[in-house]
Amino acid sequence: MQSQAKPIIGVLALQGAVEAHKLHIEACGAEFKPVKTAKDFEYIDAFIIPGGESTTMLKLIERFNLWDILKDQFSKKPVWGICAGSILLAKTVLNPEQESFNILPITIKRNGYGRQLDSHYAKIDGYEVSFIRAPIISEIDESVKILASHKSTPVWVKYSDIMATTFHPELTMKYPSPMHRAFIDLI
C-alpha cells in the first residue's frame, strides 16, 4: 500500500459503471480514482474492474496495450471484479469462451440468468443489489471462499486478495455497500 492516510481505490475507467462507485468508496474512508493508463496504476492501492460489457473491456484493454501491466498490477494489489469484471478475472469463461486474466479459480458462465429481461434485484447480505445480465459461477475451486449465494449459486467470492461479485452493489444508493466495505478491508 502507498503511504498516505486514505487508501486510493482505482476503478478501471475504460467502460462500464465507474462513477457509481465514488460515494461507496468515499463512505468507507478511501479515495476514489478513475484509472485508464499505466501511469495511473502506480498511484493506487487496489483496483475495481466495474460492471459493463466484458468483450468491450477486453477490446479496450488490447487497444490501449494494458493487458500486461494490468496482469502485473493484479498480482500485487487487491482487485475486485464486478459482473463483467468477475468474468475478466475468472480462470474459465463460458457462453461463449473468451480470454480472461485467469487469476480467480472459478468457471463463470456469461449471461447466466438469461437476457436483459431476466435482470432482477435481490438482497445479498441484507443489501439490495442488481443482477443485470449477470454471469453465474458454475464451478469453484475449494480454495475460493464463498461469501454469499443466490439461487443456489455463489455470487460473492474471495480468493486471497481477489474478490468477485456477479451483481452490482454500486447501483444501490445506500452508502457504503457491505461489499465495498469488505473490499477496502482487504487493503
Protein backbone atom coordinates (compact mmCIF):
# COMPACT_ATOMS: atom_id res chain seq x y z
CA MET A 1 0.00 0.00 0.00
CA GLN A 2 1.15 3.53 -0.74
CA SER A 3 2.00 5.63 2.30
CA GLN A 4 -0.93 8.00 2.70
CA ALA A 5 -3.79 8.41 5.15
CA LYS A 6 -6.52 7.13 2.82
CA PRO A 7 -6.19 4.13 0.51
CA ILE A 8 -6.73 5.03 -3.14
CA ILE A 9 -9.14 2.75 -4.97
CA GLY A 10 -8.69 2.80 -8.73
CA VAL A 11 -11.78 1.99 -10.76
CA LEU A 12 -10.83 0.87 -14.27
CA ALA A 13 -12.46 3.58 -16.39
CA LEU A 14 -12.44 2.11 -19.88
CA GLN A 15 -16.16 1.23 -19.99
CA GLY A 16 -18.96 0.43 -17.60
CA ALA A 17 -20.26 1.63 -14.23
CA VAL A 18 -17.35 3.74 -12.93
CA GLU A 19 -18.68 6.87 -11.20
CA ALA A 20 -21.32 4.87 -9.29
CA HIS A 21 -18.51 3.60 -7.02
CA LYS A 22 -17.38 7.05 -5.88
CA LEU A 23 -19.78 7.60 -2.96
CA HIS A 24 -19.42 3.99 -1.76
CA ILE A 25 -15.62 4.26 -1.71
CA GLU A 26 -15.64 7.65 0.00
CA ALA A 27 -18.14 6.40 2.62
CA CYS A 28 -15.53 3.75 3.53
CA GLY A 29 -12.93 6.48 4.15
CA ALA A 30 -10.99 5.75 0.97
CA GLU A 31 -10.26 7.87 -2.10
CA PHE A 32 -11.92 7.16 -5.47
CA LYS A 33 -9.80 7.47 -8.61
CA PRO A 34 -10.88 6.54 -12.14
CA VAL A 35 -7.88 4.92 -13.86
CA LYS A 36 -7.20 4.42 -17.58
CA THR A 37 -3.45 4.40 -18.14
CA ALA A 38 -0.42 2.51 -16.86
CA LYS A 39 0.77 5.74 -15.22
CA ASP A 40 -2.50 5.94 -13.23
CA PHE A 41 -1.98 2.40 -11.90
CA GLU A 42 1.18 3.35 -10.00
CA TYR A 43 -0.70 5.62 -7.60
CA ILE A 44 -3.46 3.34 -6.40
CA ASP A 45 -3.68 0.73 -3.67
CA ALA A 46 -6.39 -1.51 -5.12
CA PHE A 47 -8.43 -1.99 -8.32
CA ILE A 48 -12.11 -2.36 -9.08
CA ILE A 49 -12.99 -3.74 -12.50
CA PRO A 50 -16.55 -2.44 -12.83
CA GLY A 51 -19.60 -3.98 -14.38
CA GLY A 52 -20.09 -3.27 -18.05
CA GLU A 53 -19.55 -5.44 -21.12
CA SER A 54 -16.63 -7.85 -20.80
CA THR A 55 -15.91 -8.22 -24.54
CA THR A 56 -15.85 -4.43 -24.96
CA MET A 57 -13.50 -4.13 -21.98
CA LEU A 58 -11.20 -6.76 -23.49
CA LYS A 59 -11.06 -4.86 -26.78
CA LEU A 60 -10.21 -1.61 -24.99
CA ILE A 61 -7.57 -3.28 -22.81
CA GLU A 62 -5.95 -4.61 -26.00
CA ARG A 63 -6.36 -1.33 -27.90
CA PHE A 64 -4.62 0.65 -25.15
CA ASN A 65 -1.99 -2.06 -24.59
CA LEU A 66 -2.90 -2.53 -20.91
CA TRP A 67 -3.01 -6.35 -20.69
CA ASP A 68 0.49 -6.97 -19.31
CA ILE A 69 0.51 -4.02 -16.89
CA LEU A 70 -2.93 -4.96 -15.52
CA LYS A 71 -1.91 -8.61 -15.09
CA ASP A 72 1.19 -7.43 -13.22
CA GLN A 73 -0.76 -4.99 -11.05
CA PHE A 74 -3.42 -7.62 -10.21
CA SER A 75 -0.64 -9.87 -8.88
CA LYS A 76 0.50 -7.10 -6.48
CA LYS A 77 -2.66 -5.29 -5.36
CA PRO A 78 -6.16 -6.29 -4.28
CA VAL A 79 -8.66 -6.46 -7.13
CA TRP A 80 -12.45 -6.75 -7.19
CA GLY A 81 -14.29 -7.76 -10.33
CA ILE A 82 -17.97 -6.80 -10.52
CA CYS A 83 -20.23 -8.62 -13.00
CA ALA A 84 -18.20 -8.14 -16.23
CA GLY A 85 -15.14 -7.65 -14.01
CA SER A 86 -15.73 -11.08 -12.44
CA ILE A 87 -15.73 -12.55 -15.95
CA LEU A 88 -12.37 -10.90 -16.70
CA LEU A 89 -10.81 -12.37 -13.52
CA ALA A 90 -12.13 -15.95 -13.90
CA LYS A 91 -9.93 -18.87 -14.85
CA THR A 92 -12.51 -20.18 -17.31
CA VAL A 93 -15.22 -18.23 -19.17
CA LEU A 94 -18.12 -19.92 -20.97
CA ASN A 95 -21.11 -18.85 -23.11
CA PRO A 96 -19.08 -18.17 -25.21
CA GLU A 97 -15.50 -18.85 -24.22
CA GLN A 98 -13.32 -15.75 -24.06
CA GLU A 99 -9.96 -14.58 -22.83
CA SER A 100 -9.54 -13.56 -19.19
CA PHE A 101 -6.81 -12.69 -16.71
CA ASN A 102 -7.11 -16.23 -15.30
CA ILE A 103 -6.38 -15.24 -11.68
CA LEU A 104 -9.54 -16.39 -9.88
CA PRO A 105 -10.03 -20.19 -9.85
CA ILE A 106 -13.67 -20.27 -10.93
CA THR A 107 -15.61 -21.10 -14.07
CA ILE A 108 -18.13 -18.42 -14.96
CA LYS A 109 -20.96 -18.51 -17.49
CA ARG A 110 -21.73 -15.17 -19.15
CA ASN A 111 -25.38 -14.00 -19.04
CA GLY A 112 -26.11 -16.99 -16.81
CA TYR A 113 -29.58 -15.85 -15.71
CA GLY A 114 -30.64 -15.06 -19.27
CA ARG A 115 -31.25 -11.94 -21.31
CA GLN A 116 -31.71 -8.30 -20.23
CA LEU A 117 -35.38 -9.01 -19.40
CA ASP A 118 -34.20 -11.55 -16.80
CA SER A 119 -32.27 -8.92 -14.86
CA HIS A 120 -33.50 -8.61 -11.28
CA TYR A 121 -32.89 -7.31 -7.76
CA ALA A 122 -32.08 -9.43 -4.72
CA LYS A 123 -30.87 -8.94 -1.16
CA ILE A 124 -27.33 -10.13 -0.57
CA ASP A 125 -26.00 -9.83 2.97
CA GLY A 126 -29.14 -7.78 3.73
CA TYR A 127 -28.30 -5.26 0.98
CA GLU A 128 -30.31 -4.86 -2.22
CA VAL A 129 -28.21 -5.41 -5.35
CA SER A 130 -28.85 -5.58 -9.10
CA PHE A 131 -28.26 -8.63 -11.27
CA ILE A 132 -28.01 -7.17 -14.79
CA ARG A 133 -27.38 -9.79 -17.49
CA ALA A 134 -25.38 -11.34 -14.69
CA PRO A 135 -22.95 -14.20 -15.03
CA ILE A 136 -23.26 -17.39 -12.96
CA ILE A 137 -20.31 -19.04 -11.23
CA SER A 138 -20.71 -22.66 -12.33
CA GLU A 139 -17.55 -24.17 -10.82
CA ILE A 140 -15.42 -23.04 -7.92
CA ASP A 141 -12.10 -24.27 -6.59
CA GLU A 142 -12.11 -25.35 -2.94
CA SER A 143 -9.55 -22.59 -2.19
CA VAL A 144 -12.16 -19.91 -3.02
CA LYS A 145 -14.29 -18.70 -0.12
CA ILE A 146 -17.99 -18.22 -0.86
CA LEU A 147 -19.19 -15.05 0.88
CA ALA A 148 -22.79 -15.18 -0.42
CA SER A 149 -25.03 -17.26 -2.69
CA HIS A 150 -28.21 -16.54 -4.65
CA LYS A 151 -30.49 -19.13 -6.25
CA SER A 152 -28.12 -21.86 -5.00
CA THR A 153 -25.04 -20.47 -6.77
CA PRO A 154 -22.10 -18.45 -5.42
CA VAL A 155 -22.43 -14.74 -6.24
CA TRP A 156 -19.80 -13.18 -3.95
CA VAL A 157 -16.44 -14.90 -3.62
CA LYS A 158 -12.97 -14.18 -2.28
CA TYR A 159 -9.63 -15.76 -3.07
CA SER A 160 -6.58 -14.28 -1.31
CA ASP A 161 -6.88 -10.53 -2.06
CA ILE A 162 -9.14 -11.06 -5.09
CA MET A 163 -12.87 -10.53 -4.71
CA ALA A 164 -15.65 -11.03 -7.26
CA THR A 165 -19.37 -10.33 -7.31
CA THR A 166 -21.69 -11.33 -10.13
CA PHE A 167 -24.04 -8.48 -9.19
CA HIS A 168 -23.87 -4.68 -8.92
CA PRO A 169 -23.85 -3.28 -5.37
CA GLU A 170 -22.74 0.17 -6.58
CA LEU A 171 -26.16 0.94 -8.06
CA THR A 172 -27.88 0.95 -4.66
CA MET A 173 -27.70 4.41 -3.12
CA LYS A 174 -27.17 3.35 0.48
CA TYR A 175 -23.53 4.05 1.24
CA PRO A 176 -21.31 2.14 1.63
CA SER A 177 -22.33 -1.28 0.43
CA PRO A 178 -21.12 -4.19 2.57
CA MET A 179 -19.21 -5.37 -0.49
CA HIS A 180 -17.26 -2.08 -0.81
CA ARG A 181 -16.51 -2.22 2.92
CA ALA A 182 -15.27 -5.82 2.65
CA PHE A 183 -13.07 -4.95 -0.32
CA ILE A 184 -11.47 -1.93 1.30
CA ASP A 185 -10.87 -4.04 4.43
CA LEU A 186 -8.63 -6.26 2.23
CA ILE A 187 -6.10 -3.45 1.78
